[in-house]
Amino acid sequence: MTSIVFMGTPQFAAPILTSLIDNGYDVKAVVTQPDRKVGRKHVLTASPVKQVAVDHDILVLQPEKIGGSPEMQQIIDLQPDLIVTAAFGQFLPTKLLKAAKLAAINVHGSLLPKYRGGAPVQYSIINGEAETGITIIYMVKKMDAGDMLAQQAIPIEANDDTGTMFDKLSVVGRDLLLATLPKLIAGELTATPQAEDQVTFAPNIQPEQEALDFFTQTAAQIDQQVRGMRPAPIAYAMFDGKRTKFWDVTPLTETVTQAPGQVVRKTKHELVLAAADRTAVAINTIQPAGKPKRSITDFLNGAADKFATGEQVITK
């Protein structure tokens, strides 16, 4: 029976781990990030991957930093056939990668060599890609740069956000890994090097990237950023003088004369704002600071005398 040490943290990785267990692989240990405080009440919460491991009585290791840790030596001492990672969130030292008898591999959420890094799904949506996918690679010390063992693409639909794409990619990653492992174990795969001239990067999202810019972004780009930031951290703009989160918008096909950030149209159920290049975006769901998110209909019910056509409601 092939032995595996699995390394992962978020919900994306949990079905992948479950599939390895259910298909008879000997998961010797699961390595995941330490429990974190979650929500307004700061409840200490285990990662989804840890929850799967605990449910199956598998050894759980949770180093704050894997390099040089006692947990790393435990993994080496286990002498696994494979190390499999999926959204683990830390770099693995070469000494650890070499501990795998057969290979250390990663289930990565992009069509490599595009979008190496920690936020490939977010960047795929923000940049308006038509598709993304899963690439299974050998792990090397350089980030997401290993030779490719398998790859599968799926489309990004107009209503997809980071949350829905993670759910879809988790299933693709699970199935692609299960199809790849027997061939890898049997020595039947030939890995393909990544084309270095086609490499792009997707570093972790920074707070300043959450801000929408109606003055330079078209309606389509605003929509892409909103979906790329959903369900977290949520894109925002200064709207009606308040920092306001934009949960859902719709880019429109009409051409407008209003300046970016001005009101194009307001009805009881609709608020349309101008964006760059004379484009227009309908606001569907927003969340003013300190308040719950609301549909635009509910929001406008309390703003009967506000937001006249041509009014500048978005500011820098």
C-alpha atoms as a PDB file:
ATOM      1  CA  MET A   1       0.000   0.000   0.000  1.00  0.00           C
ATOM      2  CA  THR A   2       1.386   3.400  -0.996  1.00  0.00           C
ATOM      3  CA  SER A   3       2.030   5.607   2.026  1.00  0.00           C
ATOM      4  CA  ILE A   4       1.373   9.348   1.888  1.00  0.00           C
ATOM      5  CA  VAL A   5       1.969  12.393   4.025  1.00  0.00           C
ATOM      6  CA  PHE A   6      -0.684  14.933   3.037  1.00  0.00           C
ATOM      7  CA  MET A   7      -0.165  18.657   3.516  1.00  0.00           C
ATOM      8  CA  GLY A   8      -3.000  21.155   3.107  1.00  0.00           C
ATOM      9  CA  THR A   9      -5.206  23.600   4.970  1.00  0.00           C
ATOM     10  CA  PRO A  10      -8.399  25.101   3.433  1.00  0.00           C
ATOM     11  CA  GLN A  11     -11.650  23.568   2.236  1.00  0.00           C
ATOM     12  CA  PHE A  12     -10.161  23.235  -1.257  1.00  0.00           C
ATOM     13  CA  ALA A  13      -7.812  20.536   0.083  1.00  0.00           C
ATOM     14  CA  ALA A  14     -10.285  18.632   2.267  1.00  0.00           C
ATOM     15  CA  PRO A  15     -12.050  16.607  -0.493  1.00  0.00           C
ATOM     16  CA  ILE A  16      -8.671  15.749  -1.977  1.00  0.00           C
ATOM     17  CA  LEU A  17      -7.528  14.283   1.339  1.00  0.00           C
ATOM     18  CA  THR A  18     -10.842  12.450   1.773  1.00  0.00           C
ATOM     19  CA  SER A  19     -10.486  10.864  -1.653  1.00  0.00           C
ATOM     20  CA  LEU A  20      -7.019   9.528  -0.841  1.00  0.00           C
ATOM     21  CA  ILE A  21      -8.345   7.921   2.332  1.00  0.00           C
ATOM     22  CA  ASP A  22     -11.420   6.498   0.627  1.00  0.00           C
ATOM     23  CA  ASN A  23      -9.347   5.020  -2.201  1.00  0.00           C
ATOM     24  CA  GLY A  24      -7.123   3.000   0.071  1.00  0.00           C
ATOM     25  CA  TYR A  25      -3.957   5.063   0.269  1.00  0.00           C
ATOM     26  CA  ASP A  26      -2.129   4.828   3.573  1.00  0.00           C
ATOM     27  CA  VAL A  27      -2.166   8.420   4.851  1.00  0.00           C
ATOM     28  CA  LYS A  28       0.471   8.302   7.593  1.00  0.00           C
ATOM     29  CA  ALA A  29       0.085  11.919   8.682  1.00  0.00           C
ATOM     30  CA  VAL A  30      -1.661  15.156   7.803  1.00  0.00           C
ATOM     31  CA  VAL A  31       0.207  18.450   8.077  1.00  0.00           C
ATOM     32  CA  THR A  32      -1.886  21.611   8.284  1.00  0.00           C
ATOM     33  CA  GLN A  33      -1.722  25.156   9.598  1.00  0.00           C
ATOM     34  CA  PRO A  34      -2.253  25.714  13.340  1.00  0.00           C
ATOM     35  CA  ASP A  35      -5.790  26.324  14.577  1.00  0.00           C
ATOM     36  CA  ARG A  36      -6.803  29.968  14.089  1.00  0.00           C
ATOM     37  CA  LYS A  37      -9.281  32.267  15.796  1.00  0.00           C
ATOM     38  CA  VAL A  38     -12.270  32.819  13.505  1.00  0.00           C
ATOM     39  CA  GLY A  39     -15.186  35.262  13.506  1.00  0.00           C
ATOM     40  CA  ARG A  40     -16.154  38.098  15.775  1.00  0.00           C
ATOM     41  CA  LYS A  41     -16.045  35.846  18.805  1.00  0.00           C
ATOM     42  CA  HIS A  42     -12.532  34.660  17.904  1.00  0.00           C
ATOM     43  CA  VAL A  43     -13.374  30.992  18.254  1.00  0.00           C
ATOM     44  CA  LEU A  44     -10.299  28.795  17.894  1.00  0.00           C
ATOM     45  CA  THR A  45     -11.072  26.702  14.823  1.00  0.00           C
ATOM     46  CA  ALA A  46      -9.363  23.741  13.186  1.00  0.00           C
ATOM     47  CA  SER A  47      -8.700  23.840   9.461  1.00  0.00           C
ATOM     48  CA  PRO A  48     -11.016  21.794   7.196  1.00  0.00           C
ATOM     49  CA  VAL A  49      -8.114  19.449   6.475  1.00  0.00           C
ATOM     50  CA  LYS A  50      -7.494  18.845  10.173  1.00  0.00           C
ATOM     51  CA  GLN A  51     -11.168  18.068  10.659  1.00  0.00           C
ATOM     52  CA  VAL A  52     -10.983  15.346   8.001  1.00  0.00           C
ATOM     53  CA  ALA A  53      -7.840  13.894   9.574  1.00  0.00           C
ATOM     54  CA  VAL A  54      -9.340  13.850  13.074  1.00  0.00           C
ATOM     55  CA  ASP A  55     -12.481  12.148  11.749  1.00  0.00           C
ATOM     56  CA  HIS A  56     -10.283   9.356  10.362  1.00  0.00           C
ATOM     57  CA  ASP A  57      -7.914   9.093  13.369  1.00  0.00           C
ATOM     58  CA  ILE A  58      -4.897  10.209  11.333  1.00  0.00           C
ATOM     59  CA  LEU A  59      -1.868  11.822  12.968  1.00  0.00           C
ATOM     60  CA  VAL A  60      -2.107  15.635  12.683  1.00  0.00           C
ATOM     61  CA  LEU A  61       0.971  17.882  12.694  1.00  0.00           C
ATOM     62  CA  GLN A  62       0.552  21.659  12.915  1.00  0.00           C
ATOM     63  CA  PRO A  63       3.868  23.503  12.828  1.00  0.00           C
ATOM     64  CA  GLU A  64       3.746  27.295  12.674  1.00  0.00           C
ATOM     65  CA  LYS A  65       6.722  26.993  10.315  1.00  0.00           C
ATOM     66  CA  ILE A  66       7.675  23.632   8.846  1.00  0.00           C
ATOM     67  CA  GLY A  67      11.351  24.338   8.162  1.00  0.00           C
ATOM     68  CA  GLY A  68      13.585  23.070  10.968  1.00  0.00           C
ATOM     69  CA  SER A  69      10.626  22.073  13.127  1.00  0.00           C
ATOM     70  CA  PRO A  70      10.283  18.853  15.143  1.00  0.00           C
ATOM     71  CA  GLU A  71       7.299  18.070  12.940  1.00  0.00           C
ATOM     72  CA  MET A  72       9.502  18.106   9.859  1.00  0.00           C
ATOM     73  CA  GLN A  73      11.720  15.456  11.411  1.00  0.00           C
ATOM     74  CA  GLN A  74       8.622  13.393  12.224  1.00  0.00           C
ATOM     75  CA  ILE A  75       7.654  13.458   8.557  1.00  0.00           C
ATOM     76  CA  ILE A  76      11.151  12.435   7.488  1.00  0.00           C
ATOM     77  CA  ASP A  77      11.108   9.592  10.000  1.00  0.00           C
ATOM     78  CA  LEU A  78       7.812   8.311   8.541  1.00  0.00           C
ATOM     79  CA  GLN A  79       9.600   7.696   5.216  1.00  0.00           C
ATOM     80  CA  PRO A  80       6.455   8.139   3.094  1.00  0.00           C
ATOM     81  CA  ASP A  81       6.304   6.999  -0.490  1.00  0.00           C
ATOM     82  CA  LEU A  82       4.686  10.297  -1.462  1.00  0.00           C
ATOM     83  CA  ILE A  83       4.267  13.777  -0.075  1.00  0.00           C
ATOM     84  CA  VAL A  84       1.119  15.351  -1.519  1.00  0.00           C
ATOM     85  CA  THR A  85       0.358  19.030  -0.968  1.00  0.00           C
ATOM     86  CA  ALA A  86      -2.736  21.063  -1.797  1.00  0.00           C
ATOM     87  CA  ALA A  87      -2.917  24.687  -0.647  1.00  0.00           C
ATOM     88  CA  PHE A  88      -0.693  24.060   2.361  1.00  0.00           C
ATOM     89  CA  GLY A  89       0.506  27.650   2.566  1.00  0.00           C
ATOM     90  CA  GLN A  90       4.197  27.194   3.372  1.00  0.00           C
ATOM     91  CA  PHE A  91       7.424  26.545   1.476  1.00  0.00           C
ATOM     92  CA  LEU A  92       8.857  23.065   1.969  1.00  0.00           C
ATOM     93  CA  PRO A  93      12.626  22.681   2.522  1.00  0.00           C
ATOM     94  CA  THR A  94      14.537  20.523   0.041  1.00  0.00           C
ATOM     95  CA  LYS A  95      15.429  18.104   2.824  1.00  0.00           C
ATOM     96  CA  LEU A  96      11.729  17.481   3.389  1.00  0.00           C
ATOM     97  CA  LEU A  97      10.959  17.075  -0.305  1.00  0.00           C
ATOM     98  CA  LYS A  98      13.684  14.457  -0.574  1.00  0.00           C
ATOM     99  CA  ALA A  99      12.124  12.466   2.262  1.00  0.00           C
ATOM    100  CA  ALA A 100       9.493  11.095  -0.126  1.00  0.00           C
ATOM    101  CA  LYS A 101      10.657   7.775  -1.588  1.00  0.00           C
ATOM    102  CA  LEU A 102       8.814   8.237  -4.884  1.00  0.00           C
ATOM    103  CA  ALA A 103       7.963  11.929  -5.210  1.00  0.00           C
ATOM    104  CA  ALA A 104       6.698  15.088  -3.586  1.00  0.00           C
ATOM    105  CA  ILE A 105       3.861  16.519  -5.675  1.00  0.00           C
ATOM    106  CA  ASN A 106       1.536  19.511  -5.502  1.00  0.00           C
ATOM    107  CA  VAL A 107      -2.078  19.960  -6.634  1.00  0.00           C
ATOM    108  CA  HIS A 108      -2.007  23.573  -7.847  1.00  0.00           C
ATOM    109  CA  GLY A 109      -5.058  25.662  -8.715  1.00  0.00           C
ATOM    110  CA  SER A 110      -4.034  27.156 -12.050  1.00  0.00           C
ATOM    111  CA  LEU A 111      -2.968  26.232 -15.561  1.00  0.00           C
ATOM    112  CA  LEU A 112       0.761  26.470 -14.990  1.00  0.00           C
ATOM    113  CA  PRO A 113       3.006  28.138 -15.923  1.00  0.00           C
ATOM    114  CA  LYS A 114       0.342  30.842 -15.501  1.00  0.00           C
ATOM    115  CA  TYR A 115      -0.246  32.076 -11.964  1.00  0.00           C
ATOM    116  CA  ARG A 116       2.414  30.624  -9.758  1.00  0.00           C
ATOM    117  CA  GLY A 117       1.824  31.686  -6.161  1.00  0.00           C
ATOM    118  CA  GLY A 118      -0.683  31.796  -3.353  1.00  0.00           C
ATOM    119  CA  ALA A 119      -3.707  33.386  -5.081  1.00  0.00           C
ATOM    120  CA  PRO A 120      -4.009  31.825  -8.539  1.00  0.00           C
ATOM    121  CA  VAL A 121      -7.797  31.549  -8.497  1.00  0.00           C
ATOM    122  CA  GLN A 122      -8.268  35.170  -7.486  1.00  0.00           C
ATOM    123  CA  TYR A 123      -5.978  36.475 -10.221  1.00  0.00           C
ATOM    124  CA  SER A 124      -7.576  34.287 -12.876  1.00  0.00           C
ATOM    125  CA  ILE A 125     -10.944  35.923 -12.168  1.00  0.00           C
ATOM    126  CA  ILE A 126      -9.632  39.450 -11.628  1.00  0.00           C
ATOM    127  CA  ASN A 127      -7.729  39.327 -14.916  1.00  0.00           C
ATOM    128  CA  GLY A 128     -10.758  38.098 -16.844  1.00  0.00           C
ATOM    129  CA  GLU A 129      -9.388  34.707 -17.857  1.00  0.00           C
ATOM    130  CA  ALA A 130     -11.798  32.493 -19.789  1.00  0.00           C
ATOM    131  CA  GLU A 131     -10.574  29.382 -17.993  1.00  0.00           C
ATOM    132  CA  THR A 132      -8.446  28.085 -15.182  1.00  0.00           C
ATOM    133  CA  GLY A 133      -7.716  24.588 -13.945  1.00  0.00           C
ATOM    134  CA  ILE A 134      -5.542  22.207 -11.986  1.00  0.00           C
ATOM    135  CA  THR A 135      -1.919  21.322 -12.595  1.00  0.00           C
ATOM    136  CA  ILE A 136      -0.189  18.502 -10.735  1.00  0.00           C
ATOM    137  CA  ILE A 137       3.543  19.134 -10.488  1.00  0.00           C
ATOM    138  CA  TYR A 138       6.660  17.763  -8.910  1.00  0.00           C
ATOM    139  CA  MET A 139       7.620  19.966  -5.997  1.00  0.00           C
ATOM    140  CA  VAL A 140      10.926  21.806  -6.108  1.00  0.00           C
ATOM    141  CA  LYS A 141      12.376  24.505  -3.889  1.00  0.00           C
ATOM    142  CA  LYS A 142      11.326  27.247  -6.323  1.00  0.00           C
ATOM    143  CA  MET A 143       7.663  28.243  -5.936  1.00  0.00           C
ATOM    144  CA  ASP A 144       5.304  26.222  -8.171  1.00  0.00           C
ATOM    145  CA  ALA A 145       8.099  25.696 -10.693  1.00  0.00           C
ATOM    146  CA  GLY A 146       8.264  21.913 -10.865  1.00  0.00           C
ATOM    147  CA  ASP A 147       7.739  19.798 -13.962  1.00  0.00           C
ATOM    148  CA  MET A 148       4.098  19.076 -14.796  1.00  0.00           C
ATOM    149  CA  LEU A 149       2.587  15.605 -14.464  1.00  0.00           C
ATOM    150  CA  ALA A 150      -1.023  16.343 -15.427  1.00  0.00           C
ATOM    151  CA  GLN A 151      -3.291  19.265 -16.189  1.00  0.00           C
ATOM    152  CA  GLN A 152      -7.015  19.855 -16.688  1.00  0.00           C
ATOM    153  CA  ALA A 153      -8.815  23.077 -17.599  1.00  0.00           C
ATOM    154  CA  ILE A 154     -12.325  24.246 -16.707  1.00  0.00           C
ATOM    155  CA  PRO A 155     -14.158  27.410 -17.817  1.00  0.00           C
ATOM    156  CA  ILE A 156     -14.716  30.437 -15.603  1.00  0.00           C
ATOM    157  CA  GLU A 157     -18.390  31.339 -15.979  1.00  0.00           C
ATOM    158  CA  ALA A 158     -19.704  34.915 -15.839  1.00  0.00           C
ATOM    159  CA  ASN A 159     -21.177  34.391 -12.368  1.00  0.00           C
ATOM    160  CA  ASP A 160     -18.240  32.504 -10.865  1.00  0.00           C
ATOM    161  CA  ASP A 161     -16.360  33.977  -7.945  1.00  0.00           C
ATOM    162  CA  THR A 162     -13.348  32.756  -5.982  1.00  0.00           C
ATOM    163  CA  GLY A 163     -15.585  30.667  -3.742  1.00  0.00           C
ATOM    164  CA  THR A 164     -17.371  28.826  -6.542  1.00  0.00           C
ATOM    165  CA  MET A 165     -14.136  28.280  -8.454  1.00  0.00           C
ATOM    166  CA  PHE A 166     -12.418  26.806  -5.403  1.00  0.00           C
ATOM    167  CA  ASP A 167     -15.320  24.387  -5.034  1.00  0.00           C
ATOM    168  CA  LYS A 168     -15.120  23.366  -8.696  1.00  0.00           C
ATOM    169  CA  LEU A 169     -11.331  23.118  -8.697  1.00  0.00           C
ATOM    170  CA  SER A 170     -11.342  20.987  -5.571  1.00  0.00           C
ATOM    171  CA  VAL A 171     -13.367  18.352  -7.426  1.00  0.00           C
ATOM    172  CA  VAL A 172     -11.138  18.626 -10.507  1.00  0.00           C
ATOM    173  CA  GLY A 173      -8.032  18.348  -8.332  1.00  0.00           C
ATOM    174  CA  ARG A 174      -9.419  15.321  -6.501  1.00  0.00           C
ATOM    175  CA  ASP A 175     -10.273  13.459  -9.688  1.00  0.00           C
ATOM    176  CA  LEU A 176      -7.095  14.414 -11.537  1.00  0.00           C
ATOM    177  CA  LEU A 177      -4.935  13.327  -8.615  1.00  0.00           C
ATOM    178  CA  LEU A 178      -6.695   9.965  -8.368  1.00  0.00           C
ATOM    179  CA  ALA A 179      -6.174   9.421 -12.098  1.00  0.00           C
ATOM    180  CA  THR A 180      -2.524  10.483 -11.943  1.00  0.00           C
ATOM    181  CA  LEU A 181      -1.254   8.627  -8.882  1.00  0.00           C
ATOM    182  CA  PRO A 182      -1.438   5.051 -10.237  1.00  0.00           C
ATOM    183  CA  LYS A 183       0.529   6.064 -13.336  1.00  0.00           C
ATOM    184  CA  LEU A 184       3.055   7.963 -11.236  1.00  0.00           C
ATOM    185  CA  ILE A 185       3.518   5.029  -8.858  1.00  0.00           C
ATOM    186  CA  ALA A 186       3.929   2.644 -11.807  1.00  0.00           C
ATOM    187  CA  GLY A 187       6.544   4.896 -13.417  1.00  0.00           C
ATOM    188  CA  GLU A 188       4.403   5.446 -16.503  1.00  0.00           C
ATOM    189  CA  LEU A 189       4.415   9.266 -16.539  1.00  0.00           C
ATOM    190  CA  THR A 190       6.766  11.615 -18.370  1.00  0.00           C
ATOM    191  CA  ALA A 191       6.826  15.043 -16.754  1.00  0.00           C
ATOM    192  CA  THR A 192       6.735  18.200 -18.874  1.00  0.00           C
ATOM    193  CA  PRO A 193       8.921  21.187 -17.934  1.00  0.00           C
ATOM    194  CA  GLN A 194       7.143  24.521 -17.581  1.00  0.00           C
ATOM    195  CA  ALA A 195       7.826  27.119 -20.260  1.00  0.00           C
ATOM    196  CA  GLU A 196       9.669  29.820 -18.341  1.00  0.00           C
ATOM    197  CA  ASP A 197       8.832  32.503 -20.901  1.00  0.00           C
ATOM    198  CA  GLN A 198       5.121  31.983 -20.159  1.00  0.00           C
ATOM    199  CA  VAL A 199       5.355  32.251 -16.372  1.00  0.00           C
ATOM    200  CA  THR A 200       3.079  34.712 -14.552  1.00  0.00           C
ATOM    201  CA  PHE A 201       2.681  35.165 -10.813  1.00  0.00           C
ATOM    202  CA  ALA A 202      -0.214  35.368  -8.373  1.00  0.00           C
ATOM    203  CA  PRO A 203       1.115  36.571  -5.024  1.00  0.00           C
ATOM    204  CA  ASN A 204      -1.184  36.710  -2.014  1.00  0.00           C
ATOM    205  CA  ILE A 205      -3.779  39.486  -2.193  1.00  0.00           C
ATOM    206  CA  GLN A 206      -2.715  42.643  -0.357  1.00  0.00           C
ATOM    207  CA  PRO A 207      -5.147  45.045   1.386  1.00  0.00           C
ATOM    208  CA  GLU A 208      -4.603  47.795  -1.180  1.00  0.00           C
ATOM    209  CA  GLN A 209      -5.792  45.457  -3.939  1.00  0.00           C
ATOM    210  CA  GLU A 210      -9.245  45.300  -2.377  1.00  0.00           C
ATOM    211  CA  ALA A 211     -10.012  48.883  -3.459  1.00  0.00           C
ATOM    212  CA  LEU A 212     -12.095  49.404  -6.598  1.00  0.00           C
ATOM    213  CA  ASP A 213     -11.170  52.294  -8.891  1.00  0.00           C
ATOM    214  CA  PHE A 214     -14.155  53.490 -10.904  1.00  0.00           C
ATOM    215  CA  PHE A 215     -11.923  56.155 -12.457  1.00  0.00           C
ATOM    216  CA  THR A 216      -9.596  53.745 -14.246  1.00  0.00           C
ATOM    217  CA  GLN A 217     -11.493  50.427 -14.284  1.00  0.00           C
ATOM    218  CA  THR A 218     -14.208  49.583 -16.777  1.00  0.00           C
ATOM    219  CA  ALA A 219     -17.471  48.037 -15.640  1.00  0.00           C
ATOM    220  CA  ALA A 220     -16.203  44.593 -16.685  1.00  0.00           C
ATOM    221  CA  GLN A 221     -12.995  45.057 -14.688  1.00  0.00           C
ATOM    222  CA  ILE A 222     -14.952  46.173 -11.625  1.00  0.00           C
ATOM    223  CA  ASP A 223     -17.134  43.067 -11.900  1.00  0.00           C
ATOM    224  CA  GLN A 224     -14.051  40.835 -12.229  1.00  0.00           C
ATOM    225  CA  GLN A 225     -12.449  42.372  -9.158  1.00  0.00           C
ATOM    226  CA  VAL A 226     -15.641  42.075  -7.116  1.00  0.00           C
ATOM    227  CA  ARG A 227     -15.950  38.387  -8.008  1.00  0.00           C
ATOM    228  CA  GLY A 228     -12.245  37.784  -7.472  1.00  0.00           C
ATOM    229  CA  MET A 229     -12.501  39.202  -3.944  1.00  0.00           C
ATOM    230  CA  ARG A 230     -15.635  37.240  -3.018  1.00  0.00           C
ATOM    231  CA  PRO A 231     -16.312  35.592  -0.559  1.00  0.00           C
ATOM    232  CA  ALA A 232     -13.287  37.254   1.059  1.00  0.00           C
ATOM    233  CA  PRO A 233     -11.893  39.823   1.577  1.00  0.00           C
ATOM    234  CA  ILE A 234     -14.597  41.712  -0.478  1.00  0.00           C
ATOM    235  CA  ALA A 235     -13.800  44.658  -2.730  1.00  0.00           C
ATOM    236  CA  TYR A 236     -14.692  48.154  -1.563  1.00  0.00           C
ATOM    237  CA  ALA A 237     -14.911  51.787  -2.657  1.00  0.00           C
ATOM    238  CA  MET A 238     -15.648  55.130  -1.031  1.00  0.00           C
ATOM    239  CA  PHE A 239     -19.373  55.372  -1.786  1.00  0.00           C
ATOM    240  CA  ASP A 240     -21.534  58.235  -0.495  1.00  0.00           C
ATOM    241  CA  GLY A 241     -18.642  59.232   1.748  1.00  0.00           C
ATOM    242  CA  LYS A 242     -18.351  55.821   3.418  1.00  0.00           C
ATOM    243  CA  ARG A 243     -16.074  52.865   2.881  1.00  0.00           C
ATOM    244  CA  THR A 244     -18.542  50.441   1.339  1.00  0.00           C
ATOM    245  CA  LYS A 245     -18.087  46.808   0.368  1.00  0.00           C
ATOM    246  CA  PHE A 246     -19.371  45.774  -3.049  1.00  0.00           C
ATOM    247  CA  TRP A 247     -20.588  42.173  -2.924  1.00  0.00           C
ATOM    248  CA  ASP A 248     -22.247  41.889  -6.307  1.00  0.00           C
ATOM    249  CA  VAL A 249     -22.424  44.033  -9.444  1.00  0.00           C
ATOM    250  CA  THR A 250     -23.430  43.595 -13.081  1.00  0.00           C
ATOM    251  CA  PRO A 251     -21.529  45.206 -15.965  1.00  0.00           C
ATOM    252  CA  LEU A 252     -23.952  46.679 -18.518  1.00  0.00           C
ATOM    253  CA  THR A 253     -23.572  46.981 -22.272  1.00  0.00           C
ATOM    254  CA  GLU A 254     -24.772  50.602 -22.501  1.00  0.00           C
ATOM    255  CA  THR A 255     -22.483  53.568 -23.166  1.00  0.00           C
ATOM    256  CA  VAL A 256     -22.917  56.518 -20.803  1.00  0.00           C
ATOM    257  CA  THR A 257     -22.077  60.215 -20.743  1.00  0.00           C
ATOM    258  CA  GLN A 258     -21.634  60.587 -16.983  1.00  0.00           C
ATOM    259  CA  ALA A 259     -18.138  60.812 -15.510  1.00  0.00           C
ATOM    260  CA  PRO A 260     -16.712  57.814 -13.638  1.00  0.00           C
ATOM    261  CA  GLY A 261     -18.247  57.453 -10.197  1.00  0.00           C
ATOM    262  CA  GLN A 262     -21.394  59.413 -11.037  1.00  0.00           C
ATOM    263  CA  VAL A 263     -24.973  58.124 -10.918  1.00  0.00           C
ATOM    264  CA  VAL A 264     -26.273  57.078 -14.328  1.00  0.00           C
ATOM    265  CA  ARG A 265     -29.696  55.928 -13.214  1.00  0.00           C
ATOM    266  CA  LYS A 266     -31.647  55.302 -10.033  1.00  0.00           C
ATOM    267  CA  THR A 267     -35.032  53.622  -9.588  1.00  0.00           C
ATOM    268  CA  LYS A 268     -36.615  51.823  -6.647  1.00  0.00           C
ATOM    269  CA  HIS A 269     -34.754  48.662  -7.585  1.00  0.00           C
ATOM    270  CA  GLU A 270     -31.740  49.852  -9.535  1.00  0.00           C
ATOM    271  CA  LEU A 271     -28.633  51.950  -9.056  1.00  0.00           C
ATOM    272  CA  VAL A 272     -26.318  52.283 -12.050  1.00  0.00           C
ATOM    273  CA  LEU A 273     -22.946  54.004 -11.767  1.00  0.00           C
ATOM    274  CA  ALA A 274     -20.535  55.164 -14.428  1.00  0.00           C
ATOM    275  CA  ALA A 275     -17.108  53.579 -14.666  1.00  0.00           C
ATOM    276  CA  ALA A 276     -14.083  54.218 -16.905  1.00  0.00           C
ATOM    277  CA  ASP A 277     -14.317  54.345 -20.707  1.00  0.00           C
ATOM    278  CA  ARG A 278     -17.986  55.414 -20.582  1.00  0.00           C
ATOM    279  CA  THR A 279     -19.079  52.033 -19.227  1.00  0.00           C
ATOM    280  CA  ALA A 280     -21.812  51.410 -16.655  1.00  0.00           C
ATOM    281  CA  VAL A 281     -22.205  48.983 -13.789  1.00  0.00           C
ATOM    282  CA  ALA A 282     -25.374  48.075 -11.875  1.00  0.00           C
ATOM    283  CA  ILE A 283     -24.891  47.713  -8.121  1.00  0.00           C
ATOM    284  CA  ASN A 284     -26.708  44.651  -6.761  1.00  0.00           C
ATOM    285  CA  THR A 285     -25.495  44.065  -3.194  1.00  0.00           C
ATOM    286  CA  ILE A 286     -23.500  46.416  -0.976  1.00  0.00           C
ATOM    287  CA  GLN A 287     -22.434  46.726   2.639  1.00  0.00           C
ATOM    288  CA  PRO A 288     -21.779  50.135   4.179  1.00  0.00           C
ATOM    289  CA  ALA A 289     -19.219  50.188   6.976  1.00  0.00           C
ATOM    290  CA  GLY A 290     -20.546  48.777  10.231  1.00  0.00           C
ATOM    291  CA  LYS A 291     -23.757  47.464   8.673  1.00  0.00           C
ATOM    292  CA  PRO A 292     -24.916  44.141   7.224  1.00  0.00           C
ATOM    293  CA  LYS A 293     -24.880  43.596   3.480  1.00  0.00           C
ATOM    294  CA  ARG A 294     -28.087  44.569   1.712  1.00  0.00           C
ATOM    295  CA  SER A 295     -29.688  44.202  -1.683  1.00  0.00           C
ATOM    296  CA  ILE A 296     -29.737  47.429  -3.633  1.00  0.00           C
ATOM    297  CA  THR A 297     -33.547  47.519  -3.346  1.00  0.00           C
ATOM    298  CA  ASP A 298     -33.359  47.427   0.453  1.00  0.00           C
ATOM    299  CA  PHE A 299     -30.572  49.972   0.478  1.00  0.00           C
ATOM    300  CA  LEU A 300     -32.436  52.421  -1.752  1.00  0.00           C
ATOM    301  CA  ASN A 301     -35.577  52.161   0.374  1.00  0.00           C
ATOM    302  CA  GLY A 302     -33.754  54.242   2.960  1.00  0.00           C
ATOM    303  CA  ALA A 303     -32.350  56.716   0.450  1.00  0.00           C
ATOM    304  CA  ALA A 304     -35.429  58.099  -1.277  1.00  0.00           C
ATOM    305  CA  ASP A 305     -34.032  61.605  -1.784  1.00  0.00           C
ATOM    306  CA  LYS A 306     -30.461  60.665  -2.626  1.00  0.00           C
ATOM    307  CA  PHE A 307     -28.433  59.653  -5.660  1.00  0.00           C
ATOM    308  CA  ALA A 308     -29.741  61.918  -8.403  1.00  0.00           C
ATOM    309  CA  THR A 309     -28.534  61.392 -11.959  1.00  0.00           C
ATOM    310  CA  GLY A 310     -25.099  62.941 -12.370  1.00  0.00           C
ATOM    311  CA  GLU A 311     -24.340  62.993  -8.644  1.00  0.00           C
ATOM    312  CA  GLN A 312     -20.737  62.080  -7.794  1.00  0.00           C
ATOM    313  CA  VAL A 313     -21.131  59.199  -5.340  1.00  0.00           C
ATOM    314  CA  ILE A 314     -17.750  57.491  -5.720  1.00  0.00           C
ATOM    315  CA  THR A 315     -14.697  59.355  -4.484  1.00  0.00           C
ATOM    316  CA  LYS A 316     -11.054  58.431  -4.238  1.00  0.00           C
END
